Amino acid sequence: MASIYKSQTGQQAVEQLYRDVLQRWPVANRHVVIPTRQGDTNSVYAVFSSVDTR
């Protein structure tokens, strides 16, 4: 499969920006890599506490 990036440097810059933005996201989250027939894809999902606050 062809890469969406024009260079290794460009790929690294985009991936670093992605990580930086997620670190600043004010919601607890988890990351998972999902294998597909088209190749691996990343998924980010919010994590909510199950603690009853009543």
Protein backbone atom coordinates (compact mmCIF):
# COMPACT_ATOMS: atom_id res chain seq x y z
CA MET A 1 0.00 0.00 0.00
CA ALA A 2 1.29 3.45 -0.88
CA SER A 3 2.07 5.84 1.95
CA ILE A 4 0.00 8.97 2.47
CA TYR A 5 3.19 10.83 3.43
CA LYS A 6 5.64 12.40 0.99
CA SER A 7 8.59 11.80 3.30
CA GLN A 8 9.62 10.09 6.53
CA THR A 9 10.19 13.53 8.06
CA GLY A 10 6.65 14.59 7.13
CA GLN A 11 5.23 11.41 8.65
CA GLN A 12 7.10 11.98 11.89
CA ALA A 13 5.92 15.61 12.07
CA VAL A 14 2.26 14.66 11.60
CA GLU A 15 2.47 11.83 14.14
CA GLN A 16 4.13 14.12 16.71
CA LEU A 17 1.44 16.77 16.22
CA TYR A 18 -1.22 14.09 16.67
CA ARG A 19 0.33 12.97 19.98
CA ASP A 20 0.68 16.58 21.18
CA VAL A 21 -2.98 17.37 20.46
CA LEU A 22 -4.16 14.22 22.24
CA GLN A 23 -2.08 15.07 25.32
CA ARG A 24 -3.90 18.40 25.56
CA TRP A 25 -7.34 16.85 25.06
CA PRO A 26 -9.22 17.49 28.35
CA VAL A 27 -10.92 14.08 28.28
CA ALA A 28 -9.31 10.88 29.54
CA ASN A 29 -8.70 8.64 26.55
CA ARG A 30 -7.22 5.39 25.37
CA HIS A 31 -5.65 4.44 22.06
CA VAL A 32 -5.96 1.15 20.26
CA VAL A 33 -4.63 -0.11 16.92
CA ILE A 34 -7.22 -2.05 14.94
CA PRO A 35 -6.02 -4.37 12.20
CA THR A 36 -8.11 -4.23 9.00
CA ARG A 37 -7.83 -5.67 5.52
CA GLN A 38 -6.67 -2.24 4.38
CA GLY A 39 -3.94 -2.07 7.04
CA ASP A 40 -3.81 -1.02 10.66
CA THR A 41 -5.81 1.97 11.83
CA ASN A 42 -5.71 3.92 15.07
CA SER A 43 -8.75 4.54 17.21
CA VAL A 44 -9.03 6.90 20.17
CA TYR A 45 -11.89 6.61 22.62
CA ALA A 46 -12.94 8.56 25.68
CA VAL A 47 -12.75 6.89 29.08
CA PHE A 48 -15.42 7.79 31.61
CA SER A 49 -15.35 6.94 35.29
CA SER A 50 -17.93 4.44 36.49
CA VAL A 51 -17.92 6.00 39.97
CA ASP A 52 -21.36 7.07 41.15
CA THR A 53 -21.16 10.75 42.10
CA ARG A 54 -24.59 10.98 43.78
